[in-house]
Amino acid sequence: MVLFDYLELFSTYKNLLTEKQVEVFSLYVECDLSLGEIAEIKGVSRQSVSDAINKTKDILLGYENKLSLCKIKSNLKEIAESCDSEELKSKILNALGE
């Protein structure tokens, strides 16, 4: 499996997560907050934040292993960048939301 950063996995699969998972993981990957900062904001222990983040990472990797959407997107970007036709390149990037 191609390794992707968790921000990319999160942006791809966050609609499949629970609201609580989205809130905590967003603070971690998008806001770059520490476990202690997140624990203080959420009013929980640092350990529970760590457990939630690790569980969410496992879930995101599981989705990617089963669906491969990030890998497909990456491959399509490579194809678009190597494409001689600007029209085709534009269509591919547009379909990817780029």
PDB file of N, CA and C in Angstrom:
ATOM      1  N   MET A   1       0.837  -1.186   0.000  1.00  0.00           N
ATOM      2  CA  MET A   1       0.000   0.000   0.000  1.00  0.00           C
ATOM      3  C   MET A   1       0.874   1.238   0.000  1.00  0.00           C
ATOM      4  N   VAL A   2       0.506   2.196  -0.806  1.00  0.00           N
ATOM      5  CA  VAL A   2       1.161   3.488  -0.802  1.00  0.00           C
ATOM      6  C   VAL A   2       0.783   4.195   0.494  1.00  0.00           C
ATOM      7  N   LEU A   3       1.765   4.773   1.144  1.00  0.00           N
ATOM      8  CA  LEU A   3       1.474   5.466   2.392  1.00  0.00           C
ATOM      9  C   LEU A   3       0.980   6.880   2.108  1.00  0.00           C
ATOM     10  N   PHE A   4      -0.072   7.262   2.760  1.00  0.00           N
ATOM     11  CA  PHE A   4      -0.638   8.591   2.626  1.00  0.00           C
ATOM     12  C   PHE A   4      -0.616   9.249   3.989  1.00  0.00           C
ATOM     13  N   ASP A   5      -0.551  10.560   3.985  1.00  0.00           N
ATOM     14  CA  ASP A   5      -0.598  11.213   5.285  1.00  0.00           C
ATOM     15  C   ASP A   5      -2.034  11.182   5.800  1.00  0.00           C
ATOM     16  N   TYR A   6      -2.139  11.300   7.101  1.00  0.00           N
ATOM     17  CA  TYR A   6      -3.448  11.172   7.725  1.00  0.00           C
ATOM     18  C   TYR A   6      -4.391  12.316   7.360  1.00  0.00           C
ATOM     19  N   LEU A   7      -3.843  13.473   7.013  1.00  0.00           N
ATOM     20  CA  LEU A   7      -4.699  14.584   6.596  1.00  0.00           C
ATOM     21  C   LEU A   7      -5.410  14.242   5.289  1.00  0.00           C
ATOM     22  N   GLU A   8      -4.679  13.626   4.369  1.00  0.00           N
ATOM     23  CA  GLU A   8      -5.284  13.214   3.097  1.00  0.00           C
ATOM     24  C   GLU A   8      -6.335  12.125   3.322  1.00  0.00           C
ATOM     25  N   LEU A   9      -6.009  11.147   4.143  1.00  0.00           N
ATOM     26  CA  LEU A   9      -6.972  10.095   4.459  1.00  0.00           C
ATOM     27  C   LEU A   9      -8.212  10.688   5.128  1.00  0.00           C
ATOM     28  N   PHE A  10      -7.990  11.606   6.063  1.00  0.00           N
ATOM     29  CA  PHE A  10      -9.091  12.237   6.789  1.00  0.00           C
ATOM     30  C   PHE A  10      -9.991  13.017   5.839  1.00  0.00           C
ATOM     31  N   SER A  11      -9.398  13.796   4.945  1.00  0.00           N
ATOM     32  CA  SER A  11     -10.230  14.586   4.031  1.00  0.00           C
ATOM     33  C   SER A  11     -11.010  13.690   3.074  1.00  0.00           C
ATOM     34  N   THR A  12     -10.463  12.541   2.756  1.00  0.00           N
ATOM     35  CA  THR A  12     -11.137  11.614   1.839  1.00  0.00           C
ATOM     36  C   THR A  12     -12.268  10.851   2.521  1.00  0.00           C
ATOM     37  N   TYR A  13     -12.046  10.412   3.747  1.00  0.00           N
ATOM     38  CA  TYR A  13     -12.983   9.496   4.399  1.00  0.00           C
ATOM     39  C   TYR A  13     -13.722  10.066   5.605  1.00  0.00           C
ATOM     40  N   LYS A  14     -13.576  11.364   5.891  1.00  0.00           N
ATOM     41  CA  LYS A  14     -14.165  11.886   7.129  1.00  0.00           C
ATOM     42  C   LYS A  14     -15.682  11.760   7.189  1.00  0.00           C
ATOM     43  N   ASN A  15     -16.333  11.716   6.047  1.00  0.00           N
ATOM     44  CA  ASN A  15     -17.789  11.559   6.055  1.00  0.00           C
ATOM     45  C   ASN A  15     -18.227  10.170   6.523  1.00  0.00           C
ATOM     46  N   LEU A  16     -17.287   9.257   6.638  1.00  0.00           N
ATOM     47  CA  LEU A  16     -17.593   7.910   7.108  1.00  0.00           C
ATOM     48  C   LEU A  16     -17.331   7.743   8.610  1.00  0.00           C
ATOM     49  N   LEU A  17     -16.808   8.791   9.236  1.00  0.00           N
ATOM     50  CA  LEU A  17     -16.503   8.753  10.662  1.00  0.00           C
ATOM     51  C   LEU A  17     -17.662   9.302  11.483  1.00  0.00           C
ATOM     52  N   THR A  18     -17.647   9.003  12.771  1.00  0.00           N
ATOM     53  CA  THR A  18     -18.655   9.577  13.660  1.00  0.00           C
ATOM     54  C   THR A  18     -18.330  11.047  13.909  1.00  0.00           C
ATOM     55  N   GLU A  19     -19.306  11.773  14.408  1.00  0.00           N
ATOM     56  CA  GLU A  19     -19.100  13.193  14.699  1.00  0.00           C
ATOM     57  C   GLU A  19     -17.971  13.390  15.718  1.00  0.00           C
ATOM     58  N   LYS A  20     -17.934  12.547  16.733  1.00  0.00           N
ATOM     59  CA  LYS A  20     -16.897  12.647  17.760  1.00  0.00           C
ATOM     60  C   LYS A  20     -15.515  12.383  17.161  1.00  0.00           C
ATOM     61  N   GLN A  21     -15.405  11.376  16.314  1.00  0.00           N
ATOM     62  CA  GLN A  21     -14.133  11.075  15.665  1.00  0.00           C
ATOM     63  C   GLN A  21     -13.666  12.242  14.803  1.00  0.00           C
ATOM     64  N   VAL A  22     -14.602  12.846  14.072  1.00  0.00           N
ATOM     65  CA  VAL A  22     -14.270  13.987  13.222  1.00  0.00           C
ATOM     66  C   VAL A  22     -13.778  15.156  14.068  1.00  0.00           C
ATOM     67  N   GLU A  23     -14.475  15.459  15.150  1.00  0.00           N
ATOM     68  CA  GLU A  23     -14.090  16.585  16.007  1.00  0.00           C
ATOM     69  C   GLU A  23     -12.681  16.415  16.557  1.00  0.00           C
ATOM     70  N   VAL A  24     -12.398  15.267  17.145  1.00  0.00           N
ATOM     71  CA  VAL A  24     -11.093  15.038  17.769  1.00  0.00           C
ATOM     72  C   VAL A  24      -9.993  14.966  16.716  1.00  0.00           C
ATOM     73  N   PHE A  25     -10.228  14.225  15.643  1.00  0.00           N
ATOM     74  CA  PHE A  25      -9.183  14.056  14.637  1.00  0.00           C
ATOM     75  C   PHE A  25      -8.919  15.353  13.888  1.00  0.00           C
ATOM     76  N   SER A  26      -9.934  16.153  13.689  1.00  0.00           N
ATOM     77  CA  SER A  26      -9.761  17.456  13.053  1.00  0.00           C
ATOM     78  C   SER A  26      -8.852  18.350  13.886  1.00  0.00           C
ATOM     79  N   LEU A  27      -9.068  18.356  15.179  1.00  0.00           N
ATOM     80  CA  LEU A  27      -8.205  19.144  16.064  1.00  0.00           C
ATOM     81  C   LEU A  27      -6.766  18.659  15.995  1.00  0.00           C
ATOM     82  N   TYR A  28      -6.596  17.362  15.814  1.00  0.00           N
ATOM     83  CA  TYR A  28      -5.265  16.766  15.773  1.00  0.00           C
ATOM     84  C   TYR A  28      -4.548  17.033  14.449  1.00  0.00           C
ATOM     85  N   VAL A  29      -5.201  16.772  13.312  1.00  0.00           N
ATOM     86  CA  VAL A  29      -4.504  16.877  12.021  1.00  0.00           C
ATOM     87  C   VAL A  29      -4.672  18.228  11.340  1.00  0.00           C
ATOM     88  N   GLU A  30      -5.808  18.863  11.494  1.00  0.00           N
ATOM     89  CA  GLU A  30      -6.026  20.147  10.815  1.00  0.00           C
ATOM     90  C   GLU A  30      -5.559  21.336  11.655  1.00  0.00           C
ATOM     91  N   CYS A  31      -5.769  21.265  12.951  1.00  0.00           N
ATOM     92  CA  CYS A  31      -5.381  22.365  13.844  1.00  0.00           C
ATOM     93  C   CYS A  31      -4.020  22.137  14.483  1.00  0.00           C
ATOM     94  N   ASP A  32      -3.480  20.929  14.338  1.00  0.00           N
ATOM     95  CA  ASP A  32      -2.162  20.575  14.858  1.00  0.00           C
ATOM     96  C   ASP A  32      -2.046  20.804  16.367  1.00  0.00           C
ATOM     97  N   LEU A  33      -3.113  20.448  17.087  1.00  0.00           N
ATOM     98  CA  LEU A  33      -3.101  20.581  18.539  1.00  0.00           C
ATOM     99  C   LEU A  33      -2.502  19.338  19.176  1.00  0.00           C
ATOM    100  N   SER A  34      -1.920  19.510  20.352  1.00  0.00           N
ATOM    101  CA  SER A  34      -1.350  18.383  21.090  1.00  0.00           C
ATOM    102  C   SER A  34      -2.468  17.581  21.747  1.00  0.00           C
ATOM    103  N   LEU A  35      -2.125  16.387  22.193  1.00  0.00           N
ATOM    104  CA  LEU A  35      -3.097  15.557  22.893  1.00  0.00           C
ATOM    105  C   LEU A  35      -3.617  16.272  24.139  1.00  0.00           C
ATOM    106  N   GLY A  36      -2.716  16.932  24.864  1.00  0.00           N
ATOM    107  CA  GLY A  36      -3.112  17.664  26.059  1.00  0.00           C
ATOM    108  C   GLY A  36      -4.060  18.810  25.761  1.00  0.00           C
ATOM    109  N   GLU A  37      -3.796  19.528  24.680  1.00  0.00           N
ATOM    110  CA  GLU A  37      -4.672  20.636  24.291  1.00  0.00           C
ATOM    111  C   GLU A  37      -6.063  20.131  23.905  1.00  0.00           C
ATOM    112  N   ILE A  38      -6.093  19.044  23.165  1.00  0.00           N
ATOM    113  CA  ILE A  38      -7.383  18.465  22.766  1.00  0.00           C
ATOM    114  C   ILE A  38      -8.129  17.959  23.992  1.00  0.00           C
ATOM    115  N   ALA A  39      -7.419  17.307  24.895  1.00  0.00           N
ATOM    116  CA  ALA A  39      -8.043  16.793  26.119  1.00  0.00           C
ATOM    117  C   ALA A  39      -8.665  17.934  26.920  1.00  0.00           C
ATOM    118  N   GLU A  40      -7.964  19.046  27.003  1.00  0.00           N
ATOM    119  CA  GLU A  40      -8.485  20.201  27.738  1.00  0.00           C
ATOM    120  C   GLU A  40      -9.738  20.758  27.066  1.00  0.00           C
ATOM    121  N   ILE A  41      -9.701  20.879  25.757  1.00  0.00           N
ATOM    122  CA  ILE A  41     -10.862  21.398  25.007  1.00  0.00           C
ATOM    123  C   ILE A  41     -12.072  20.484  25.165  1.00  0.00           C
ATOM    124  N   LYS A  42     -11.831  19.177  25.071  1.00  0.00           N
ATOM    125  CA  LYS A  42     -12.926  18.202  25.108  1.00  0.00           C
ATOM    126  C   LYS A  42     -13.334  17.815  26.539  1.00  0.00           C
ATOM    127  N   GLY A  43     -12.529  18.194  27.518  1.00  0.00           N
ATOM    128  CA  GLY A  43     -12.846  17.863  28.898  1.00  0.00           C
ATOM    129  C   GLY A  43     -12.702  16.385  29.218  1.00  0.00           C
ATOM    130  N   VAL A  44     -11.697  15.760  28.601  1.00  0.00           N
ATOM    131  CA  VAL A  44     -11.438  14.338  28.810  1.00  0.00           C
ATOM    132  C   VAL A  44      -9.958  14.149  29.118  1.00  0.00           C
ATOM    133  N   SER A  45      -9.568  12.912  29.399  1.00  0.00           N
ATOM    134  CA  SER A  45      -8.160  12.643  29.688  1.00  0.00           C
ATOM    135  C   SER A  45      -7.331  12.612  28.402  1.00  0.00           C
ATOM    136  N   ARG A  46      -6.045  12.839  28.598  1.00  0.00           N
ATOM    137  CA  ARG A  46      -5.109  12.779  27.471  1.00  0.00           C
ATOM    138  C   ARG A  46      -5.098  11.368  26.879  1.00  0.00           C
ATOM    139  N   GLN A  47      -5.220  10.363  27.741  1.00  0.00           N
ATOM    140  CA  GLN A  47      -5.226   8.967  27.289  1.00  0.00           C
ATOM    141  C   GLN A  47      -6.438   8.672  26.401  1.00  0.00           C
ATOM    142  N   SER A  48      -7.600   9.217  26.759  1.00  0.00           N
ATOM    143  CA  SER A  48      -8.788   8.959  25.935  1.00  0.00           C
ATOM    144  C   SER A  48      -8.653   9.629  24.568  1.00  0.00           C
ATOM    145  N   VAL A  49      -7.997  10.786  24.531  1.00  0.00           N
ATOM    146  CA  VAL A  49      -7.745  11.447  23.243  1.00  0.00           C
ATOM    147  C   VAL A  49      -6.784  10.601  22.414  1.00  0.00           C
ATOM    148  N   SER A  50      -5.731  10.113  23.041  1.00  0.00           N
ATOM    149  CA  SER A  50      -4.772   9.259  22.343  1.00  0.00           C
ATOM    150  C   SER A  50      -5.451   8.004  21.792  1.00  0.00           C
ATOM    151  N   ASP A  51      -6.277   7.376  22.608  1.00  0.00           N
ATOM    152  CA  ASP A  51      -7.003   6.178  22.165  1.00  0.00           C
ATOM    153  C   ASP A  51      -7.919   6.495  20.984  1.00  0.00           C
ATOM    154  N   ALA A  52      -8.629   7.617  21.061  1.00  0.00           N
ATOM    155  CA  ALA A  52      -9.558   8.003  19.990  1.00  0.00           C
ATOM    156  C   ALA A  52      -8.809   8.279  18.686  1.00  0.00           C
ATOM    157  N   ILE A  53      -7.672   8.956  18.791  1.00  0.00           N
ATOM    158  CA  ILE A  53      -6.882   9.265  17.594  1.00  0.00           C
ATOM    159  C   ILE A  53      -6.319   7.990  16.980  1.00  0.00           C
ATOM    160  N   ASN A  54      -5.790   7.106  17.805  1.00  0.00           N
ATOM    161  CA  ASN A  54      -5.250   5.843  17.280  1.00  0.00           C
ATOM    162  C   ASN A  54      -6.332   4.977  16.650  1.00  0.00           C
ATOM    163  N   LYS A  55      -7.499   4.947  17.257  1.00  0.00           N
ATOM    164  CA  LYS A  55      -8.616   4.184  16.687  1.00  0.00           C
ATOM    165  C   LYS A  55      -9.031   4.790  15.343  1.00  0.00           C
ATOM    166  N   THR A  56      -9.084   6.112  15.277  1.00  0.00           N
ATOM    167  CA  THR A  56      -9.467   6.773  14.029  1.00  0.00           C
ATOM    168  C   THR A  56      -8.425   6.530  12.945  1.00  0.00           C
ATOM    169  N   LYS A  57      -7.148   6.551  13.300  1.00  0.00           N
ATOM    170  CA  LYS A  57      -6.099   6.233  12.328  1.00  0.00           C
ATOM    171  C   LYS A  57      -6.303   4.826  11.763  1.00  0.00           C
ATOM    172  N   ASP A  58      -6.583   3.876  12.635  1.00  0.00           N
ATOM    173  CA  ASP A  58      -6.816   2.500  12.192  1.00  0.00           C
ATOM    174  C   ASP A  58      -8.021   2.412  11.259  1.00  0.00           C
ATOM    175  N   ILE A  59      -9.069   3.138  11.603  1.00  0.00           N
ATOM    176  CA  ILE A  59     -10.283   3.146  10.771  1.00  0.00           C
ATOM    177  C   ILE A  59      -9.973   3.731   9.398  1.00  0.00           C
ATOM    178  N   LEU A  60      -9.263   4.856   9.368  1.00  0.00           N
ATOM    179  CA  LEU A  60      -8.929   5.505   8.093  1.00  0.00           C
ATOM    180  C   LEU A  60      -8.066   4.598   7.222  1.00  0.00           C
ATOM    181  N   LEU A  61      -7.077   3.962   7.829  1.00  0.00           N
ATOM    182  CA  LEU A  61      -6.234   3.027   7.068  1.00  0.00           C
ATOM    183  C   LEU A  61      -7.040   1.839   6.570  1.00  0.00           C
ATOM    184  N   GLY A  62      -7.994   1.390   7.365  1.00  0.00           N
ATOM    185  CA  GLY A  62      -8.866   0.292   6.936  1.00  0.00           C
ATOM    186  C   GLY A  62      -9.710   0.671   5.728  1.00  0.00           C
ATOM    187  N   TYR A  63     -10.241   1.890   5.759  1.00  0.00           N
ATOM    188  CA  TYR A  63     -11.014   2.363   4.601  1.00  0.00           C
ATOM    189  C   TYR A  63     -10.136   2.412   3.353  1.00  0.00           C
ATOM    190  N   GLU A  64      -8.921   2.940   3.509  1.00  0.00           N
ATOM    191  CA  GLU A  64      -8.026   3.041   2.348  1.00  0.00           C
ATOM    192  C   GLU A  64      -7.637   1.659   1.846  1.00  0.00           C
ATOM    193  N   ASN A  65      -7.394   0.726   2.743  1.00  0.00           N
ATOM    194  CA  ASN A  65      -7.044  -0.636   2.328  1.00  0.00           C
ATOM    195  C   ASN A  65      -8.180  -1.294   1.545  1.00  0.00           C
ATOM    196  N   LYS A  66      -9.412  -0.973   1.907  1.00  0.00           N
ATOM    197  CA  LYS A  66     -10.565  -1.585   1.239  1.00  0.00           C
ATOM    198  C   LYS A  66     -10.992  -0.822  -0.020  1.00  0.00           C
ATOM    199  N   LEU A  67     -10.929   0.506   0.021  1.00  0.00           N
ATOM    200  CA  LEU A  67     -11.476   1.319  -1.066  1.00  0.00           C
ATOM    201  C   LEU A  67     -10.420   1.904  -2.000  1.00  0.00           C
ATOM    202  N   SER A  68      -9.238   2.145  -1.497  1.00  0.00           N
ATOM    203  CA  SER A  68      -8.101   2.673  -2.284  1.00  0.00           C
ATOM    204  C   SER A  68      -8.381   4.004  -2.970  1.00  0.00           C
ATOM    205  N   LEU A  69      -9.236   4.834  -2.406  1.00  0.00           N
ATOM    206  CA  LEU A  69      -9.576   6.098  -3.064  1.00  0.00           C
ATOM    207  C   LEU A  69      -8.389   7.051  -3.133  1.00  0.00           C
ATOM    208  N   CYS A  70      -7.574   7.104  -2.107  1.00  0.00           N
ATOM    209  CA  CYS A  70      -6.396   7.978  -2.135  1.00  0.00           C
ATOM    210  C   CYS A  70      -5.384   7.491  -3.168  1.00  0.00           C
ATOM    211  N   LYS A  71      -5.218   6.178  -3.255  1.00  0.00           N
ATOM    212  CA  LYS A  71      -4.306   5.608  -4.245  1.00  0.00           C
ATOM    213  C   LYS A  71      -4.801   5.898  -5.659  1.00  0.00           C
ATOM    214  N   ILE A  72      -6.082   5.746  -5.892  1.00  0.00           N
ATOM    215  CA  ILE A  72      -6.653   6.029  -7.209  1.00  0.00           C
ATOM    216  C   ILE A  72      -6.466   7.499  -7.557  1.00  0.00           C
ATOM    217  N   LYS A  73      -6.741   8.371  -6.598  1.00  0.00           N
ATOM    218  CA  LYS A  73      -6.581   9.804  -6.824  1.00  0.00           C
ATOM    219  C   LYS A  73      -5.129  10.139  -7.155  1.00  0.00           C
ATOM    220  N   SER A  74      -4.204   9.547  -6.428  1.00  0.00           N
ATOM    221  CA  SER A  74      -2.783   9.773  -6.678  1.00  0.00           C
ATOM    222  C   SER A  74      -2.385   9.306  -8.071  1.00  0.00           C
ATOM    223  N   ASN A  75      -2.865   8.139  -8.460  1.00  0.00           N
ATOM    224  CA  ASN A  75      -2.560   7.613  -9.796  1.00  0.00           C
ATOM    225  C   ASN A  75      -3.145   8.496 -10.896  1.00  0.00           C
ATOM    226  N   LEU A  76      -4.350   8.995 -10.686  1.00  0.00           N
ATOM    227  CA  LEU A  76      -4.955   9.882 -11.675  1.00  0.00           C
ATOM    228  C   LEU A  76      -4.190  11.197 -11.804  1.00  0.00           C
ATOM    229  N   LYS A  77      -3.679  11.709 -10.691  1.00  0.00           N
ATOM    230  CA  LYS A  77      -2.859  12.927 -10.738  1.00  0.00           C
ATOM    231  C   LYS A  77      -1.593  12.679 -11.553  1.00  0.00           C
ATOM    232  N   GLU A  78      -0.966  11.526 -11.349  1.00  0.00           N
ATOM    233  CA  GLU A  78       0.234  11.179 -12.115  1.00  0.00           C
ATOM    234  C   GLU A  78      -0.079  11.099 -13.602  1.00  0.00           C
ATOM    235  N   ILE A  79      -1.188  10.484 -13.938  1.00  0.00           N
ATOM    236  CA  ILE A  79      -1.592  10.372 -15.337  1.00  0.00           C
ATOM    237  C   ILE A  79      -1.827  11.757 -15.929  1.00  0.00           C
ATOM    238  N   ALA A  80      -2.512  12.601 -15.187  1.00  0.00           N
ATOM    239  CA  ALA A  80      -2.796  13.957 -15.672  1.00  0.00           C
ATOM    240  C   ALA A  80      -1.511  14.736 -15.906  1.00  0.00           C
ATOM    241  N   GLU A  81      -0.559  14.614 -14.985  1.00  0.00           N
ATOM    242  CA  GLU A  81       0.693  15.366 -15.113  1.00  0.00           C
ATOM    243  C   GLU A  81       1.540  14.887 -16.293  1.00  0.00           C
ATOM    244  N   SER A  82       1.413  13.621 -16.654  1.00  0.00           N
ATOM    245  CA  SER A  82       2.200  13.099 -17.772  1.00  0.00           C
ATOM    246  C   SER A  82       1.453  13.174 -19.103  1.00  0.00           C
ATOM    247  N   CYS A  83       0.256  13.694 -19.069  1.00  0.00           N
ATOM    248  CA  CYS A  83      -0.597  13.738 -20.254  1.00  0.00           C
ATOM    249  C   CYS A  83      -0.159  14.857 -21.205  1.00  0.00           C
ATOM    250  N   ASP A  84      -0.069  14.539 -22.493  1.00  0.00           N
ATOM    251  CA  ASP A  84       0.288  15.535 -23.502  1.00  0.00           C
ATOM    252  C   ASP A  84      -0.889  16.452 -23.844  1.00  0.00           C
ATOM    253  N   SER A  85      -2.075  15.929 -23.735  1.00  0.00           N
ATOM    254  CA  SER A  85      -3.274  16.699 -24.078  1.00  0.00           C
ATOM    255  C   SER A  85      -3.686  17.579 -22.896  1.00  0.00           C
ATOM    256  N   GLU A  86      -3.630  18.889 -23.087  1.00  0.00           N
ATOM    257  CA  GLU A  86      -4.042  19.816 -22.031  1.00  0.00           C
ATOM    258  C   GLU A  86      -5.528  19.663 -21.722  1.00  0.00           C
ATOM    259  N   GLU A  87      -6.323  19.335 -22.744  1.00  0.00           N
ATOM    260  CA  GLU A  87      -7.763  19.152 -22.540  1.00  0.00           C
ATOM    261  C   GLU A  87      -8.022  17.953 -21.623  1.00  0.00           C
ATOM    262  N   LEU A  88      -7.360  16.844 -21.906  1.00  0.00           N
ATOM    263  CA  LEU A  88      -7.524  15.642 -21.080  1.00  0.00           C
ATOM    264  C   LEU A  88      -6.983  15.880 -19.672  1.00  0.00           C
ATOM    265  N   LYS A  89      -5.825  16.529 -19.585  1.00  0.00           N
ATOM    266  CA  LYS A  89      -5.235  16.854 -18.287  1.00  0.00           C
ATOM    267  C   LYS A  89      -6.200  17.696 -17.465  1.00  0.00           C
ATOM    268  N   SER A  90      -6.788  18.686 -18.095  1.00  0.00           N
ATOM    269  CA  SER A  90      -7.738  19.565 -17.414  1.00  0.00           C
ATOM    270  C   SER A  90      -8.958  18.800 -16.954  1.00  0.00           C
ATOM    271  N   LYS A  91      -9.462  17.893 -17.775  1.00  0.00           N
ATOM    272  CA  LYS A  91     -10.634  17.105 -17.408  1.00  0.00           C
ATOM    273  C   LYS A  91     -10.346  16.204 -16.216  1.00  0.00           C
ATOM    274  N   ILE A  92      -9.187  15.580 -16.217  1.00  0.00           N
ATOM    275  CA  ILE A  92      -8.822  14.699 -15.098  1.00  0.00           C
ATOM    276  C   ILE A  92      -8.710  15.507 -13.810  1.00  0.00           C
ATOM    277  N   LEU A  93      -7.969  16.609 -13.858  1.00  0.00           N
ATOM    278  CA  LEU A  93      -7.794  17.425 -12.659  1.00  0.00           C
ATOM    279  C   LEU A  93      -9.114  18.019 -12.187  1.00  0.00           C
ATOM    280  N   ASN A  94      -9.972  18.394 -13.115  1.00  0.00           N
ATOM    281  CA  ASN A  94     -11.288  18.904 -12.762  1.00  0.00           C
ATOM    282  C   ASN A  94     -12.127  17.839 -12.062  1.00  0.00           C
ATOM    283  N   ALA A  95     -12.057  16.615 -12.557  1.00  0.00           N
ATOM    284  CA  ALA A  95     -12.800  15.509 -11.951  1.00  0.00           C
ATOM    285  C   ALA A  95     -12.296  15.220 -10.533  1.00  0.00           C
ATOM    286  N   LEU A  96     -11.012  15.490 -10.311  1.00  0.00           N
ATOM    287  CA  LEU A  96     -10.428  15.289  -8.977  1.00  0.00           C
ATOM    288  C   LEU A  96     -10.666  16.480  -8.051  1.00  0.00           C
ATOM    289  N   GLY A  97     -11.259  17.532  -8.600  1.00  0.00           N
ATOM    290  CA  GLY A  97     -11.519  18.717  -7.791  1.00  0.00           C
ATOM    291  C   GLY A  97     -10.290  19.581  -7.605  1.00  0.00           C
ATOM    292  N   GLU A  98      -9.360  19.475  -8.509  1.00  0.00           N
ATOM    293  CA  GLU A  98      -8.109  20.239  -8.429  1.00  0.00           C
ATOM    294  C   GLU A  98      -8.216  21.523  -9.233  1.00  0.00           C
TER     295      GLU A  98
END
